[in-house]
Amino acid sequence: MAINLLTDPALKNAKPESKDKRLLDEGGLYLLIKSNDSKWWRWD
Protein backbone atom coordinates (compact mmCIF):
# COMPACT_ATOMS: atom_id res chain seq x y z
CA MET A 1 0.00 0.00 0.00
CA ALA A 2 1.26 3.47 -0.88
CA ILE A 3 2.06 5.81 1.97
CA ASN A 4 3.15 9.15 0.45
CA LEU A 5 1.39 9.46 -2.87
CA LEU A 6 1.31 12.84 -4.55
CA THR A 7 -2.03 14.59 -4.38
CA ASP A 8 -3.63 16.89 -6.94
CA PRO A 9 -3.35 20.02 -4.75
CA ALA A 10 0.32 19.27 -4.03
CA LEU A 11 1.05 19.09 -7.76
CA LYS A 12 -0.88 22.24 -8.65
CA ASN A 13 0.72 24.27 -5.83
CA ALA A 14 4.30 23.18 -6.56
CA LYS A 15 6.42 26.23 -7.36
CA PRO A 16 9.79 26.36 -9.15
CA GLU A 17 12.99 27.09 -7.25
CA SER A 18 16.48 28.12 -8.34
CA LYS A 19 17.38 24.43 -8.87
CA ASP A 20 15.36 21.57 -10.30
CA LYS A 21 13.15 19.83 -7.75
CA ARG A 22 11.68 16.30 -7.64
CA LEU A 23 8.38 15.44 -6.01
CA LEU A 24 8.52 11.71 -5.43
CA ASP A 25 5.65 9.27 -5.71
CA GLU A 26 6.23 5.53 -5.63
CA GLY A 27 7.65 2.93 -7.96
CA GLY A 28 10.18 5.35 -9.47
CA LEU A 29 7.57 7.91 -10.58
CA TYR A 30 8.25 11.57 -9.84
CA LEU A 31 7.36 15.04 -11.01
CA LEU A 32 10.39 17.07 -12.08
CA ILE A 33 9.86 20.80 -11.62
CA LYS A 34 12.38 22.82 -13.64
CA SER A 35 13.52 26.30 -12.66
CA ASN A 36 11.69 27.76 -15.71
CA ASP A 37 8.33 26.49 -14.28
CA SER A 38 8.00 23.52 -16.63
CA LYS A 39 6.78 20.26 -15.08
CA TRP A 40 7.76 16.85 -16.39
CA TRP A 41 6.61 13.41 -15.28
CA ARG A 42 9.55 10.99 -15.10
CA TRP A 43 9.83 7.31 -14.33
CA ASP A 44 13.17 5.72 -13.56
PDB file of N, CA and C in Angstrom:
ATOM      1  N   MET A   1       0.836  -1.179   0.000  1.00  0.00           N
ATOM      2  CA  MET A   1       0.000   0.000   0.000  1.00  0.00           C
ATOM      3  C   MET A   1       0.881   1.242   0.000  1.00  0.00           C
ATOM      4  N   ALA A   2       0.486   2.235  -0.763  1.00  0.00           N
ATOM      5  CA  ALA A   2       1.263   3.467  -0.877  1.00  0.00           C
ATOM      6  C   ALA A   2       1.061   4.352   0.350  1.00  0.00           C
ATOM      7  N   ILE A   3       2.131   4.966   0.782  1.00  0.00           N
ATOM      8  CA  ILE A   3       2.062   5.812   1.969  1.00  0.00           C
ATOM      9  C   ILE A   3       2.059   7.294   1.602  1.00  0.00           C
ATOM     10  N   ASN A   4       3.001   7.731   0.770  1.00  0.00           N
ATOM     11  CA  ASN A   4       3.153   9.146   0.450  1.00  0.00           C
ATOM     12  C   ASN A   4       2.898   9.418  -1.023  1.00  0.00           C
ATOM     13  N   LEU A   5       1.713   9.168  -1.487  1.00  0.00           N
ATOM     14  CA  LEU A   5       1.391   9.460  -2.871  1.00  0.00           C
ATOM     15  C   LEU A   5       1.177  10.951  -3.068  1.00  0.00           C
ATOM     16  N   LEU A   6       1.541  11.433  -4.236  1.00  0.00           N
ATOM     17  CA  LEU A   6       1.309  12.842  -4.546  1.00  0.00           C
ATOM     18  C   LEU A   6      -0.180  13.088  -4.712  1.00  0.00           C
ATOM     19  N   THR A   7      -0.626  14.229  -4.247  1.00  0.00           N
ATOM     20  CA  THR A   7      -2.030  14.590  -4.377  1.00  0.00           C
ATOM     21  C   THR A   7      -2.175  15.693  -5.416  1.00  0.00           C
ATOM     22  N   ASP A   8      -3.362  15.867  -5.939  1.00  0.00           N
ATOM     23  CA  ASP A   8      -3.628  16.887  -6.944  1.00  0.00           C
ATOM     24  C   ASP A   8      -3.294  18.297  -6.434  1.00  0.00           C
ATOM     25  N   PRO A   9      -3.724  18.691  -5.234  1.00  0.00           N
ATOM     26  CA  PRO A   9      -3.354  20.023  -4.745  1.00  0.00           C
ATOM     27  C   PRO A   9      -1.836  20.214  -4.593  1.00  0.00           C
ATOM     28  N   ALA A  10      -1.136  19.167  -4.179  1.00  0.00           N
ATOM     29  CA  ALA A  10       0.318  19.271  -4.031  1.00  0.00           C
ATOM     30  C   ALA A  10       0.985  19.530  -5.375  1.00  0.00           C
ATOM     31  N   LEU A  11       0.481  18.903  -6.427  1.00  0.00           N
ATOM     32  CA  LEU A  11       1.049  19.093  -7.760  1.00  0.00           C
ATOM     33  C   LEU A  11       0.737  20.483  -8.307  1.00  0.00           C
ATOM     34  N   LYS A  12      -0.486  20.934  -8.120  1.00  0.00           N
ATOM     35  CA  LYS A  12      -0.877  22.241  -8.645  1.00  0.00           C
ATOM     36  C   LYS A  12      -0.195  23.391  -7.915  1.00  0.00           C
ATOM     37  N   ASN A  13       0.115  23.212  -6.628  1.00  0.00           N
ATOM     38  CA  ASN A  13       0.719  24.273  -5.831  1.00  0.00           C
ATOM     39  C   ASN A  13       2.245  24.242  -5.838  1.00  0.00           C
ATOM     40  N   ALA A  14       2.842  23.280  -6.521  1.00  0.00           N
ATOM     41  CA  ALA A  14       4.297  23.179  -6.563  1.00  0.00           C
ATOM     42  C   ALA A  14       4.870  24.349  -7.356  1.00  0.00           C
ATOM     43  N   LYS A  15       5.818  25.052  -6.752  1.00  0.00           N
ATOM     44  CA  LYS A  15       6.423  26.231  -7.362  1.00  0.00           C
ATOM     45  C   LYS A  15       7.882  25.946  -7.713  1.00  0.00           C
ATOM     46  N   PRO A  16       8.384  26.560  -8.782  1.00  0.00           N
ATOM     47  CA  PRO A  16       9.792  26.356  -9.152  1.00  0.00           C
ATOM     48  C   PRO A  16      10.731  27.039  -8.167  1.00  0.00           C
ATOM     49  N   GLU A  17      11.942  26.525  -8.087  1.00  0.00           N
ATOM     50  CA  GLU A  17      12.986  27.095  -7.247  1.00  0.00           C
ATOM     51  C   GLU A  17      14.200  27.360  -8.132  1.00  0.00           C
ATOM     52  N   SER A  18      15.282  27.799  -7.555  1.00  0.00           N
ATOM     53  CA  SER A  18      16.475  28.116  -8.342  1.00  0.00           C
ATOM     54  C   SER A  18      17.092  26.860  -8.963  1.00  0.00           C
ATOM     55  N   LYS A  19      16.911  25.704  -8.322  1.00  0.00           N
ATOM     56  CA  LYS A  19      17.384  24.434  -8.867  1.00  0.00           C
ATOM     57  C   LYS A  19      16.187  23.545  -9.178  1.00  0.00           C
ATOM     58  N   ASP A  20      16.415  22.536 -10.000  1.00  0.00           N
ATOM     59  CA  ASP A  20      15.361  21.568 -10.304  1.00  0.00           C
ATOM     60  C   ASP A  20      14.964  20.830  -9.032  1.00  0.00           C
ATOM     61  N   LYS A  21      13.686  20.485  -8.941  1.00  0.00           N
ATOM     62  CA  LYS A  21      13.152  19.825  -7.746  1.00  0.00           C
ATOM     63  C   LYS A  21      12.371  18.585  -8.170  1.00  0.00           C
ATOM     64  N   ARG A  22      12.428  17.539  -7.391  1.00  0.00           N
ATOM     65  CA  ARG A  22      11.680  16.302  -7.644  1.00  0.00           C
ATOM     66  C   ARG A  22      10.654  16.096  -6.542  1.00  0.00           C
ATOM     67  N   LEU A  23       9.425  15.849  -6.948  1.00  0.00           N
ATOM     68  CA  LEU A  23       8.382  15.444  -6.012  1.00  0.00           C
ATOM     69  C   LEU A  23       8.152  13.959  -6.248  1.00  0.00           C
ATOM     70  N   LEU A  24       8.527  13.158  -5.276  1.00  0.00           N
ATOM     71  CA  LEU A  24       8.520  11.709  -5.433  1.00  0.00           C
ATOM     72  C   LEU A  24       7.156  11.112  -5.159  1.00  0.00           C
ATOM     73  N   ASP A  25       6.833  10.078  -5.934  1.00  0.00           N
ATOM     74  CA  ASP A  25       5.647   9.271  -5.711  1.00  0.00           C
ATOM     75  C   ASP A  25       6.155   7.884  -5.322  1.00  0.00           C
ATOM     76  N   GLU A  26       5.717   6.851  -5.950  1.00  0.00           N
ATOM     77  CA  GLU A  26       6.225   5.526  -5.628  1.00  0.00           C
ATOM     78  C   GLU A  26       6.531   4.776  -6.905  1.00  0.00           C
ATOM     79  N   GLY A  27       7.324   3.750  -6.809  1.00  0.00           N
ATOM     80  CA  GLY A  27       7.653   2.927  -7.958  1.00  0.00           C
ATOM     81  C   GLY A  27       8.528   3.627  -8.976  1.00  0.00           C
ATOM     82  N   GLY A  28       9.289   4.640  -8.559  1.00  0.00           N
ATOM     83  CA  GLY A  28      10.175   5.350  -9.469  1.00  0.00           C
ATOM     84  C   GLY A  28       9.532   6.516 -10.187  1.00  0.00           C
ATOM     85  N   LEU A  29       8.264   6.797  -9.931  1.00  0.00           N
ATOM     86  CA  LEU A  29       7.571   7.905 -10.578  1.00  0.00           C
ATOM     87  C   LEU A  29       7.792   9.189  -9.791  1.00  0.00           C
ATOM     88  N   TYR A  30       8.101  10.280 -10.500  1.00  0.00           N
ATOM     89  CA  TYR A  30       8.254  11.566  -9.838  1.00  0.00           C
ATOM     90  C   TYR A  30       7.915  12.691 -10.796  1.00  0.00           C
ATOM     91  N   LEU A  31       7.606  13.837 -10.239  1.00  0.00           N
ATOM     92  CA  LEU A  31       7.356  15.039 -11.013  1.00  0.00           C
ATOM     93  C   LEU A  31       8.587  15.916 -10.897  1.00  0.00           C
ATOM     94  N   LEU A  32       9.206  16.218 -12.037  1.00  0.00           N
ATOM     95  CA  LEU A  32      10.387  17.071 -12.076  1.00  0.00           C
ATOM     96  C   LEU A  32       9.928  18.488 -12.364  1.00  0.00           C
ATOM     97  N   ILE A  33      10.234  19.403 -11.450  1.00  0.00           N
ATOM     98  CA  ILE A  33       9.864  20.800 -11.621  1.00  0.00           C
ATOM     99  C   ILE A  33      11.134  21.567 -11.950  1.00  0.00           C
ATOM    100  N   LYS A  34      11.204  22.086 -13.172  1.00  0.00           N
ATOM    101  CA  LYS A  34      12.378  22.815 -13.635  1.00  0.00           C
ATOM    102  C   LYS A  34      12.317  24.253 -13.141  1.00  0.00           C
ATOM    103  N   SER A  35      13.450  24.931 -13.147  1.00  0.00           N
ATOM    104  CA  SER A  35      13.518  26.303 -12.659  1.00  0.00           C
ATOM    105  C   SER A  35      12.757  27.282 -13.556  1.00  0.00           C
ATOM    106  N   ASN A  36      12.452  26.889 -14.805  1.00  0.00           N
ATOM    107  CA  ASN A  36      11.686  27.758 -15.710  1.00  0.00           C
ATOM    108  C   ASN A  36      10.178  27.484 -15.627  1.00  0.00           C
ATOM    109  N   ASP A  37       9.736  26.794 -14.580  1.00  0.00           N
ATOM    110  CA  ASP A  37       8.330  26.486 -14.282  1.00  0.00           C
ATOM    111  C   ASP A  37       7.722  25.416 -15.181  1.00  0.00           C
ATOM    112  N   SER A  38       8.545  24.653 -15.890  1.00  0.00           N
ATOM    113  CA  SER A  38       8.004  23.522 -16.628  1.00  0.00           C
ATOM    114  C   SER A  38       7.943  22.316 -15.696  1.00  0.00           C
ATOM    115  N   LYS A  39       6.977  21.445 -15.921  1.00  0.00           N
ATOM    116  CA  LYS A  39       6.785  20.264 -15.077  1.00  0.00           C
ATOM    117  C   LYS A  39       6.786  19.031 -15.982  1.00  0.00           C
ATOM    118  N   TRP A  40       7.596  18.065 -15.613  1.00  0.00           N
ATOM    119  CA  TRP A  40       7.762  16.849 -16.395  1.00  0.00           C
ATOM    120  C   TRP A  40       7.561  15.630 -15.513  1.00  0.00           C
ATOM    121  N   TRP A  41       6.729  14.686 -15.968  1.00  0.00           N
ATOM    122  CA  TRP A  41       6.606  13.413 -15.283  1.00  0.00           C
ATOM    123  C   TRP A  41       7.769  12.544 -15.744  1.00  0.00           C
ATOM    124  N   ARG A  42       8.428  11.890 -14.808  1.00  0.00           N
ATOM    125  CA  ARG A  42       9.552  10.993 -15.104  1.00  0.00           C
ATOM    126  C   ARG A  42       9.341   9.675 -14.366  1.00  0.00           C
ATOM    127  N   TRP A  43       9.877   8.631 -14.954  1.00  0.00           N
ATOM    128  CA  TRP A  43       9.829   7.312 -14.332  1.00  0.00           C
ATOM    129  C   TRP A  43      11.161   6.647 -14.553  1.00  0.00           C
ATOM    130  N   ASP A  44      11.865   6.376 -13.496  1.00  0.00           N
ATOM    131  CA  ASP A  44      13.173   5.719 -13.562  1.00  0.00           C
ATOM    132  C   ASP A  44      13.101   4.371 -12.904  1.00  0.00           C
TER     133      ASP A  44
END
